[in-house]
């Protein structure tokens, strides 16, 4: 079969005759489109088509070529042997434009990732795309975030997954999928055993949707990641979902339940799952309301779990007592390497509880305590910990009201040789010139400082404080050729 002409091989005629384009499959669909494009648009489309033929990863997001441009570009994918990842995101493509892929995606076995996010293709466009992808054996990752997809589109994806054994990752974040759409996807999980990652963040699943997914999970062996951030599943949804996950025969590695109105009741069920899980690597409970009681339950689970390195409990109304319940976990748990507790009012007492344990115990490498109300006193405890801790490399202390007193305490610790800490975030802390001078002096004094990124944005020091920090940065480079990125 002869190779199809791409957009760059369009026949050139005299200006009076205009430009003739080779469209191929789906050309009859152009009847309602303006097929006449000006010289400048034609040149851009040709450049885009050349990208598809030249690079393995092509980002055409935000180019604004719309449906008409996609009809010309889609042909370049027909027999393309180069492009493996293509993004057509945010290009004003509608359901009509999706039809451009008909005849081309079926024959392309090289393309692995297709991103149509940010285009208003809606349910009609998704249905069309699913009909086309039934016979595609190349695409493994399909991104349809923010595409106005509702229940009917989700059901179409579900039907596609029952027939397509190639797709590994499906992203449907920021859409309008409700309970019935979740049910359609759940039905697919019962039959599909090749899907790995399912992204449904910021939809409208609710407790009923979570319950439906739970039933699908019970019969599925392949799913590794489940993203359900922002679906208002609540405590009942968490209970149902955990029940399905417990019966899941595969190995869930990533579970995102952030922003789902989960309280301590739901946290209890999640904690029970964490206790038993031997595959979970990342748990996100960000922006729920598990409180101190929920924190205690998660702490109890972490005492038994020996596989979970990353846990996000940010924004959960956890106070000092909750932090104090979590702290002792790290005397025995060396598995957790990333702990996010930001946006919790743990205060100086919570900081003290964590610091006293992390001073000599645990294996935490990233500690995030932004917006935790620890104040200068809390900074003193953290600073003391840093003198002895040998694991923490990333420390986030943003917006804690540290002021100069807290900055001076931390500066004293920076004078001590610490080979672990490489990134320190002190933004939004009302630090003035005295604090900036103290940090600058610490950087100059300790030639073995490991810090390579220091964020001091949105503080209150003047140009004199900035100048001192800049001089310190230059001094470190002159003495040791170590580069420190300081952000003001």
Protein backbone atom coordinates (compact mmCIF):
# COMPACT_ATOMS: atom_id res chain seq x y z
CA UNK A 1 0.00 0.00 0.00
CA UNK A 2 1.48 3.38 -0.95
CA UNK A 3 2.43 5.74 1.85
CA UNK A 4 -0.17 8.42 2.44
CA UNK A 5 0.82 11.99 1.73
CA UNK A 6 1.31 14.13 4.81
CA UNK A 7 0.32 17.74 5.14
CA UNK A 8 3.77 18.89 4.09
CA UNK A 9 3.36 17.17 0.70
CA UNK A 10 0.34 19.21 -0.28
CA UNK A 11 0.29 20.08 -3.96
CA UNK A 12 1.33 23.62 -4.65
CA UNK A 13 -0.50 25.55 -7.32
CA UNK A 14 -0.45 29.15 -8.40
CA UNK A 15 -1.72 31.74 -5.94
CA UNK A 16 -4.80 32.24 -8.09
CA UNK A 17 -5.69 28.57 -7.84
CA UNK A 18 -5.04 28.45 -4.10
CA UNK A 19 -3.70 25.53 -2.11
CA UNK A 20 -4.88 21.94 -2.49
CA UNK A 21 -4.57 19.62 0.49
CA UNK A 22 -4.43 15.83 0.59
CA UNK A 23 -6.88 14.83 3.32
CA UNK A 24 -7.38 11.10 3.01
CA UNK A 25 -9.79 9.25 5.32
CA UNK A 26 -12.55 11.37 6.77
CA UNK A 27 -12.27 14.07 4.11
CA UNK A 28 -16.02 13.97 3.63
CA UNK A 29 -16.31 15.29 7.18
CA UNK A 30 -14.81 18.60 6.13
CA UNK A 31 -18.02 19.79 4.51
CA UNK A 32 -18.93 21.94 7.50
CA UNK A 33 -15.40 23.23 8.02
CA UNK A 34 -13.64 26.07 6.34
CA UNK A 35 -11.12 24.17 4.23
CA UNK A 36 -9.52 27.34 2.94
CA UNK A 37 -6.69 28.44 5.17
CA UNK A 38 -4.43 31.39 4.61
CA UNK A 39 -0.76 31.10 3.76
CA UNK A 40 0.41 31.72 7.32
CA UNK A 41 -1.87 29.05 8.79
CA UNK A 42 -0.78 26.60 6.10
CA UNK A 43 2.85 27.22 6.99
CA UNK A 44 2.19 26.61 10.69
CA UNK A 45 0.28 23.40 9.99
CA UNK A 46 3.17 22.18 7.84
CA UNK A 47 5.58 22.93 10.68
CA UNK A 48 3.38 21.01 13.11
CA UNK A 49 3.21 18.05 10.73
CA UNK A 50 7.00 18.10 10.43
CA UNK A 51 7.27 17.85 14.21
CA UNK A 52 5.12 14.72 14.14
CA UNK A 53 7.46 13.13 11.63
CA UNK A 54 10.68 14.22 13.36
CA UNK A 55 10.37 13.80 17.13
CA UNK A 56 9.36 10.90 19.34
CA UNK A 57 7.76 13.27 21.88
CA UNK A 58 5.67 16.08 20.40
CA UNK A 59 3.91 18.76 22.46
CA UNK A 60 1.35 20.67 20.39
CA UNK A 61 -0.67 21.87 23.35
CA UNK A 62 -2.16 25.34 23.15
CA UNK A 63 -1.42 25.87 19.43
CA UNK A 64 -5.04 26.83 18.71
CA UNK A 65 -5.41 24.92 15.45
CA UNK A 66 -8.91 23.64 16.25
CA UNK A 67 -10.87 20.98 14.38
CA UNK A 68 -9.72 22.08 10.94
CA UNK A 69 -6.04 21.93 11.83
CA UNK A 70 -6.49 18.50 13.40
CA UNK A 71 -7.91 17.12 10.14
CA UNK A 72 -4.67 18.04 8.39
CA UNK A 73 -2.44 16.87 11.24
CA UNK A 74 -4.17 13.56 11.90
CA UNK A 75 -3.06 12.26 8.54
CA UNK A 76 0.55 12.58 9.67
CA UNK A 77 -0.19 9.94 12.31
CA UNK A 78 -1.51 7.37 9.85
CA UNK A 79 1.75 5.72 8.95
CA UNK A 80 3.96 7.61 11.37
CA UNK A 81 6.93 5.61 12.62
CA UNK A 82 8.41 8.33 14.83
CA UNK A 83 6.02 10.03 17.25
CA UNK A 84 5.43 7.95 20.39
CA UNK A 85 3.91 10.66 22.60
CA UNK A 86 1.70 13.41 21.19
CA UNK A 87 -0.20 16.14 23.01
CA UNK A 88 -3.02 17.95 21.23
CA UNK A 89 -4.17 19.43 24.55
CA UNK A 90 -6.02 22.77 24.72
CA UNK A 91 -6.52 23.32 21.00
CA UNK A 92 -10.27 24.04 20.84
CA UNK A 93 -10.92 20.61 19.39
CA UNK A 94 -14.58 19.51 19.52
CA UNK A 95 -16.37 16.23 18.91
CA UNK A 96 -16.31 16.93 15.17
CA UNK A 97 -12.54 17.20 15.22
CA UNK A 98 -12.10 13.82 16.89
CA UNK A 99 -13.47 12.21 13.71
CA UNK A 100 -10.21 13.23 12.04
CA UNK A 101 -8.49 10.28 13.71
CA UNK A 102 -10.74 7.78 11.94
CA UNK A 103 -8.66 5.68 9.56
CA UNK A 104 -5.37 6.90 10.98
CA UNK A 105 -5.19 5.73 14.59
CA UNK A 106 -6.28 2.25 13.54
CA UNK A 107 -3.16 1.89 11.39
CA UNK A 108 -0.69 3.53 13.79
CA UNK A 109 1.06 1.09 16.12
CA UNK A 110 3.92 3.40 17.19
CA UNK A 111 1.96 6.05 19.11
CA UNK A 112 1.91 5.16 22.81
CA UNK A 113 0.51 8.32 24.44
CA UNK A 114 -2.32 10.53 23.18
CA UNK A 115 -3.27 13.65 25.14
CA UNK A 116 -6.50 15.45 24.24
CA UNK A 117 -6.94 17.16 27.62
CA UNK A 118 -8.46 20.63 27.75
CA UNK A 119 -10.50 20.20 24.58
CA UNK A 120 -14.32 20.39 24.78
CA UNK A 121 -14.92 17.09 23.00
CA UNK A 122 -17.63 15.98 25.45
CA UNK A 123 -19.38 12.62 25.51
CA UNK A 124 -19.92 12.60 21.76
CA UNK A 125 -16.21 13.06 21.08
CA UNK A 126 -15.23 10.38 23.58
CA UNK A 127 -17.69 7.91 22.06
CA UNK A 128 -16.22 8.57 18.63
CA UNK A 129 -12.68 8.17 19.94
CA UNK A 130 -13.55 4.90 21.67
CA UNK A 131 -14.98 3.49 18.44
CA UNK A 132 -11.70 4.33 16.73
CA UNK A 133 -9.47 2.95 19.50
CA UNK A 134 -11.18 -0.44 19.65
CA UNK A 135 -8.91 -1.54 16.82
CA UNK A 136 -5.79 0.33 17.96
CA UNK A 137 -3.01 -1.82 19.39
CA UNK A 138 -0.47 0.87 20.15
CA UNK A 139 -1.82 3.51 22.53
CA UNK A 140 -1.12 2.69 26.17
CA UNK A 141 -1.86 6.07 27.77
CA UNK A 142 -4.99 8.10 27.02
CA UNK A 143 -5.39 11.53 28.62
CA UNK A 144 -8.85 13.09 28.57
CA UNK A 145 -8.64 15.49 31.50
CA UNK A 146 -10.96 18.53 31.44
CA UNK A 147 -12.78 17.46 28.28
CA UNK A 148 -16.41 17.93 29.42
CA UNK A 149 -16.87 14.17 29.74
CA UNK A 150 -19.95 12.97 31.60
CA UNK A 151 -21.51 9.63 32.40
CA UNK A 152 -22.10 8.57 28.80
CA UNK A 153 -18.48 9.23 27.87
CA UNK A 154 -17.27 7.31 30.93
CA UNK A 155 -19.50 4.39 29.96
CA UNK A 156 -17.99 4.45 26.48
CA UNK A 157 -14.51 4.30 28.02
CA UNK A 158 -15.73 1.35 30.08
CA UNK A 159 -16.92 -0.50 26.99
CA UNK A 160 -13.59 0.25 25.28
CA UNK A 161 -11.66 -1.23 28.20
CA UNK A 162 -13.66 -4.43 27.92
CA UNK A 163 -12.37 -4.90 24.36
CA UNK A 164 -9.00 -3.13 24.32
CA UNK A 165 -6.11 -4.97 25.98
CA UNK A 166 -3.47 -2.35 25.20
CA UNK A 167 -4.45 0.64 27.33
CA UNK A 168 -2.53 0.88 30.61
CA UNK A 169 -3.32 4.42 31.79
CA UNK A 170 -6.60 6.31 31.46
CA UNK A 171 -6.91 9.87 32.77
CA UNK A 172 -10.37 11.39 33.21
CA UNK A 173 -9.61 14.09 35.79
CA UNK A 174 -11.68 17.27 36.12
CA UNK A 175 -14.76 16.08 34.30
CA UNK A 176 -18.45 15.62 35.14
CA UNK A 177 -18.63 11.90 35.77
CA UNK A 178 -21.28 10.85 38.25
CA UNK A 179 -22.34 7.59 39.84
CA UNK A 180 -23.56 5.90 36.64
CA UNK A 181 -20.28 6.71 34.87
CA UNK A 182 -18.35 5.21 37.76
CA UNK A 183 -20.55 2.13 37.48
CA UNK A 184 -19.66 1.78 33.80
CA UNK A 185 -15.96 1.98 34.58
CA UNK A 186 -16.34 -0.45 37.46
CA UNK A 187 -17.91 -2.99 35.11
CA UNK A 188 -14.86 -2.67 32.89
CA UNK A 189 -12.53 -3.43 35.81
CA UNK A 190 -14.26 -6.78 36.22
CA UNK A 191 -13.35 -7.77 32.66
CA UNK A 192 -10.16 -5.84 31.94
CA UNK A 193 -6.91 -7.11 33.42
CA UNK A 194 -4.42 -4.88 31.64
CA UNK A 195 -5.34 -1.42 32.96
CA UNK A 196 -2.74 -0.16 35.45
CA UNK A 197 -3.65 3.43 36.37
CA UNK A 198 -7.12 4.98 36.58
CA UNK A 199 -7.36 8.75 37.19
CA UNK A 200 -10.77 10.10 38.23
CA UNK A 201 -9.76 13.14 40.28
CA UNK A 202 -12.29 15.94 40.71
CA UNK A 203 -15.40 14.26 39.42
CA UNK A 204 -18.72 13.55 41.14
CA UNK A 205 -18.46 9.89 42.14
CA UNK A 206 -19.63 10.29 45.73
CA UNK A 207 -20.16 7.35 48.07
CA UNK A 208 -22.20 5.48 45.46
CA UNK A 209 -19.48 5.82 42.86
CA UNK A 210 -16.87 4.58 45.34
CA UNK A 211 -19.10 1.65 46.17
CA UNK A 212 -19.43 0.78 42.48
CA UNK A 213 -15.67 0.95 41.96
CA UNK A 214 -15.17 -1.25 45.01
CA UNK A 215 -17.16 -4.04 43.37
CA UNK A 216 -15.11 -3.70 40.20
CA UNK A 217 -11.86 -3.84 42.17
CA UNK A 218 -12.83 -7.11 43.77
CA UNK A 219 -12.59 -8.89 40.45
CA UNK A 220 -9.61 -7.00 39.04
CA UNK A 221 -5.97 -8.10 39.19
CA UNK A 222 -4.13 -5.44 37.19
CA UNK A 223 -4.84 -2.02 38.71
CA UNK A 224 -1.82 -0.43 40.43
CA UNK A 225 -2.90 3.21 40.86
CA UNK A 226 -6.30 4.64 41.77
CA UNK A 227 -6.71 8.42 41.81
CA UNK A 228 -9.97 9.61 43.38
CA UNK A 229 -9.01 13.04 44.69
CA UNK A 230 -11.99 15.39 45.08
CA UNK A 231 -14.96 13.06 44.64
CA UNK A 232 -16.74 13.63 47.98
CA UNK A 233 -16.84 9.93 48.72
CA UNK A 234 -17.04 10.57 52.49
CA UNK A 235 -16.65 8.01 55.24
CA UNK A 236 -19.11 5.57 53.71
CA UNK A 237 -17.35 5.69 50.37
CA UNK A 238 -14.00 5.15 52.08
CA UNK A 239 -15.40 2.13 53.92
CA UNK A 240 -16.78 0.59 50.72
CA UNK A 241 -13.65 1.33 48.72
CA UNK A 242 -11.36 -0.19 51.32
CA UNK A 243 -13.52 -3.29 51.34
CA UNK A 244 -13.02 -3.64 47.58
CA UNK A 245 -9.31 -2.92 47.83
CA UNK A 246 -8.91 -5.56 50.52
CA UNK A 247 -10.44 -8.13 48.17
CA UNK A 248 -8.43 -6.86 45.19
CA UNK A 249 -6.17 -9.63 43.94
CA UNK A 250 -3.57 -7.30 42.47
CA UNK A 251 -1.09 -4.94 44.08
CA UNK A 252 -2.29 -1.37 44.58
CA UNK A 253 0.78 0.85 44.89
CA UNK A 254 -0.79 4.31 44.84
CA UNK A 255 -4.06 5.39 46.45
CA UNK A 256 -5.21 9.02 46.26
CA UNK A 257 -8.18 9.84 48.50
CA UNK A 258 -7.43 13.52 48.98
CA UNK A 259 -10.19 16.11 49.44
CA UNK A 260 -12.99 13.58 49.95
CA UNK A 261 -14.69 14.73 53.18
CA UNK A 262 -13.19 11.79 55.09
CA UNK A 263 -13.25 12.10 58.90
CA UNK A 264 -11.77 9.92 61.64
CA UNK A 265 -14.47 7.31 60.88
CA UNK A 266 -13.22 6.91 57.34
CA UNK A 267 -9.62 7.09 58.51
CA UNK A 268 -10.27 4.03 60.64
CA UNK A 269 -11.11 1.97 57.54
CA UNK A 270 -8.15 3.35 55.60
CA UNK A 271 -5.85 2.55 58.52
CA UNK A 272 -7.09 -1.04 58.62
CA UNK A 273 -6.21 -1.38 54.95
CA UNK A 274 -2.76 0.16 55.48
CA UNK A 275 -2.06 -2.36 58.24
CA UNK A 276 -2.62 -5.27 55.86
CA UNK A 277 -1.24 -3.83 52.62
CA UNK A 278 2.08 -5.17 51.39
CA UNK A 279 2.17 -3.21 48.14
CA UNK A 280 1.12 0.38 48.94
CA UNK A 281 3.86 2.91 48.17
CA UNK A 282 1.95 6.22 48.27
CA UNK A 283 -1.11 7.20 50.30
CA UNK A 284 -2.75 10.60 49.89
CA UNK A 285 -5.32 11.78 52.44
CA UNK A 286 -4.63 15.46 51.80
CA UNK A 287 -7.37 17.99 52.66
CA UNK A 288 -9.74 15.74 54.54
CA UNK A 289 -10.73 16.10 58.19
CA UNK A 290 -9.36 13.05 59.98
CA UNK A 291 -8.24 15.14 62.98
CA UNK A 292 -6.15 13.91 65.89
CA UNK A 293 -8.15 10.71 66.25
CA UNK A 294 -7.59 9.84 62.61
CA UNK A 295 -3.89 10.65 62.94
CA UNK A 296 -3.68 8.21 65.86
CA UNK A 297 -5.31 5.50 63.72
CA UNK A 298 -2.89 6.10 60.85
CA UNK A 299 -0.01 6.05 63.32
CA UNK A 300 -1.14 2.66 64.61
CA UNK A 301 -1.27 1.39 61.03
CA UNK A 302 2.24 2.65 60.25
CA UNK A 303 3.57 0.69 63.21
CA UNK A 304 2.51 -2.49 61.39
CA UNK A 305 3.04 -1.48 57.76
CA UNK A 306 6.52 -1.98 56.37
CA UNK A 307 6.08 -0.99 52.72
CA UNK A 308 4.63 2.56 52.64
CA UNK A 309 7.35 5.21 52.01
CA UNK A 310 5.17 8.25 51.14
CA UNK A 311 2.22 9.51 53.14
CA UNK A 312 0.36 12.81 52.78
CA UNK A 313 -1.74 13.92 55.75
CA UNK A 314 -1.68 17.62 54.94
CA UNK A 315 -4.71 19.78 55.73
CA UNK A 316 -6.44 17.37 58.09
CA UNK A 317 -7.00 19.48 61.20
CA UNK A 318 -4.28 17.61 63.07
CA UNK A 319 -3.06 19.33 66.24
CA UNK A 320 -0.15 18.77 68.61
CA UNK A 321 -1.67 15.58 70.06
CA UNK A 322 -2.02 14.09 66.58
CA UNK A 323 1.60 14.93 65.76
CA UNK A 324 2.65 13.45 69.10
CA UNK A 325 0.83 10.23 68.17
CA UNK A 326 2.63 10.05 64.83
CA UNK A 327 6.12 10.86 66.15
CA UNK A 328 6.86 7.59 68.05
CA UNK A 329 6.17 5.62 64.86
CA UNK A 330 9.57 6.69 63.55
CA UNK A 331 11.46 5.04 66.39
CA UNK A 332 10.80 1.72 64.68
CA UNK A 333 9.62 2.62 61.16
CA UNK A 334 12.47 3.22 58.72
CA UNK A 335 10.27 2.79 55.66
CA UNK A 336 8.53 6.20 55.55
CA UNK A 337 10.77 8.61 53.64
CA UNK A 338 8.27 11.37 52.79
CA UNK A 339 5.93 12.86 55.39
CA UNK A 340 3.58 15.71 54.48
CA UNK A 341 1.91 17.38 57.46
CA UNK A 342 1.47 20.87 56.02
CA UNK A 343 -1.66 22.93 56.73
CA UNK A 344 -2.17 21.26 60.11
CA UNK A 345 -2.11 23.44 63.27
CA UNK A 346 0.37 21.24 65.13
CA UNK A 347 2.00 24.31 66.72
CA UNK A 348 5.35 24.38 68.52
CA UNK A 349 4.42 21.40 70.71
CA UNK A 350 3.71 19.26 67.66
CA UNK A 351 7.02 20.34 66.13
CA UNK A 352 8.78 19.44 69.36
CA UNK A 353 7.25 15.95 69.44
CA UNK A 354 8.38 15.24 65.88
CA UNK A 355 11.81 16.82 66.32
CA UNK A 356 12.67 14.85 69.44
CA UNK A 357 12.12 11.56 67.63
CA UNK A 358 13.51 12.52 64.20
CA UNK A 359 16.68 13.82 65.82
CA UNK A 360 18.06 10.30 66.05
CA UNK A 361 15.42 7.99 64.55
CA UNK A 362 13.57 7.22 61.34
CA UNK A 363 14.52 7.51 57.69
CA UNK A 364 12.47 10.58 56.70
CA UNK A 365 14.11 12.36 53.78
CA UNK A 366 11.35 14.85 52.92
CA UNK A 367 9.53 16.61 55.75
CA UNK A 368 6.83 19.14 54.93
CA UNK A 369 5.57 21.33 57.76
CA UNK A 370 4.36 24.41 55.91
CA UNK A 371 1.49 26.42 57.44
CA UNK A 372 1.71 24.49 60.73
CA UNK A 373 1.80 27.46 63.14
CA UNK A 374 5.04 26.29 64.77
CA UNK A 375 6.42 29.81 65.29
CA UNK A 376 9.93 30.72 66.44
CA UNK A 377 9.75 28.23 69.30
CA UNK A 378 8.95 25.38 66.92
CA UNK A 379 11.80 26.49 64.69
CA UNK A 380 14.11 26.19 67.69
CA UNK A 381 13.13 22.53 68.12
CA UNK A 382 13.54 21.84 64.40
CA UNK A 383 16.91 23.59 64.38
CA UNK A 384 18.13 21.44 67.25
CA UNK A 385 17.00 18.34 65.40
CA UNK A 386 18.93 19.35 62.27
CA UNK A 387 22.20 19.37 64.23
CA UNK A 388 21.94 15.61 64.65
CA UNK A 389 19.58 14.31 61.93
CA UNK A 390 21.37 12.58 59.06
CA UNK A 391 18.46 11.79 56.70
CA UNK A 392 16.29 14.86 56.03
CA UNK A 393 17.29 16.42 52.69
CA UNK A 394 14.12 18.44 51.92
CA UNK A 395 12.55 20.58 54.64
CA UNK A 396 9.50 22.78 54.06
CA UNK A 397 8.76 25.33 56.81
CA UNK A 398 6.78 27.90 54.82
CA UNK A 399 4.36 30.32 56.47
CA UNK A 400 5.04 29.39 60.09
CA UNK A 401 5.58 32.87 61.50
CA UNK A 402 9.25 32.12 62.18
CA UNK A 403 10.35 35.75 61.93
CA UNK A 404 13.95 36.71 62.70
CA UNK A 405 14.08 34.66 65.90
CA UNK A 406 13.26 31.43 64.07
CA UNK A 407 15.58 32.25 61.18
CA UNK A 408 18.46 32.88 63.63
CA UNK A 409 17.85 29.48 65.27
CA UNK A 410 17.94 27.72 61.92
CA UNK A 411 21.04 29.66 60.91
CA UNK A 412 22.90 28.27 63.93
CA UNK A 413 22.13 24.76 62.69
CA UNK A 414 23.35 25.62 59.21
CA UNK A 415 26.75 26.41 60.75
CA UNK A 416 27.00 22.79 61.83
CA UNK A 417 28.10 20.29 59.21
CA UNK A 418 24.95 18.67 57.86
CA UNK A 419 25.54 16.53 54.81
CA UNK A 420 21.88 15.63 54.34
CA UNK A 421 19.90 18.89 54.07
CA UNK A 422 19.94 20.13 50.47
CA UNK A 423 16.66 22.06 50.18
CA UNK A 424 15.22 24.47 52.77
CA UNK A 425 11.99 26.40 52.20
CA UNK A 426 11.44 29.41 54.47
CA UNK A 427 9.03 31.40 52.29
CA UNK A 428 6.22 33.53 53.82
CA UNK A 429 7.82 33.69 57.29
CA UNK A 430 8.02 37.44 57.99
CA UNK A 431 11.82 37.24 58.08
CA UNK A 432 13.52 40.64 58.05
CA UNK A 433 17.12 41.77 57.54
CA UNK A 434 18.43 40.36 60.84
CA UNK A 435 17.22 36.90 59.89
CA UNK A 436 18.64 37.24 56.38
CA UNK A 437 22.01 38.39 57.79
CA UNK A 438 22.12 35.40 60.17
CA UNK A 439 21.44 32.92 57.35
CA UNK A 440 24.00 34.62 55.11
CA UNK A 441 26.66 34.44 57.82
CA UNK A 442 25.91 30.75 58.39
CA UNK A 443 26.38 30.00 54.69
CA UNK A 444 29.73 31.80 54.71
CA UNK A 445 30.92 30.13 57.90
CA UNK A 446 30.15 26.55 56.91
CA UNK A 447 32.11 25.78 53.76
CA UNK A 448 30.78 22.22 53.81
CA UNK A 449 27.13 23.28 53.73
CA UNK A 450 25.09 20.86 51.65
CA UNK A 451 22.14 23.19 51.02
CA UNK A 452 21.79 23.84 47.29
CA UNK A 453 18.28 25.36 47.23
CA UNK A 454 17.09 28.01 49.68
CA UNK A 455 13.69 29.61 49.27
CA UNK A 456 13.18 32.92 51.06
CA UNK A 457 10.44 34.34 48.84
CA UNK A 458 7.71 36.57 50.26
CA UNK A 459 9.58 37.65 53.38
CA UNK A 460 10.15 41.16 54.69
CA UNK A 461 13.87 41.82 54.35
CA UNK A 462 15.11 44.77 52.30
CA UNK A 463 17.68 45.02 49.54
CA UNK A 464 20.35 44.92 52.26
CA UNK A 465 19.21 41.46 53.34
CA UNK A 466 19.10 40.36 49.72
CA UNK A 467 22.59 41.72 49.13
CA UNK A 468 23.96 39.83 52.15
CA UNK A 469 22.47 36.57 50.92
CA UNK A 470 23.77 37.13 47.39
CA UNK A 471 27.24 37.83 48.73
CA UNK A 472 27.07 34.64 50.80
CA UNK A 473 26.05 32.64 47.76
CA UNK A 474 28.95 34.05 45.74
CA UNK A 475 31.36 33.43 48.63
CA UNK A 476 30.37 29.75 48.85
CA UNK A 477 30.93 29.36 45.12
CA UNK A 478 34.32 31.07 45.24
CA UNK A 479 35.51 28.94 48.14
CA UNK A 480 34.11 25.56 47.14
CA UNK A 481 32.54 25.92 43.66
CA UNK A 482 29.24 24.82 45.17
CA UNK A 483 26.21 26.53 43.71
CA UNK A 484 23.37 27.60 46.00
CA UNK A 485 20.12 28.72 44.39
CA UNK A 486 18.53 31.38 46.61
CA UNK A 487 15.02 32.56 45.76
CA UNK A 488 13.82 35.93 47.05
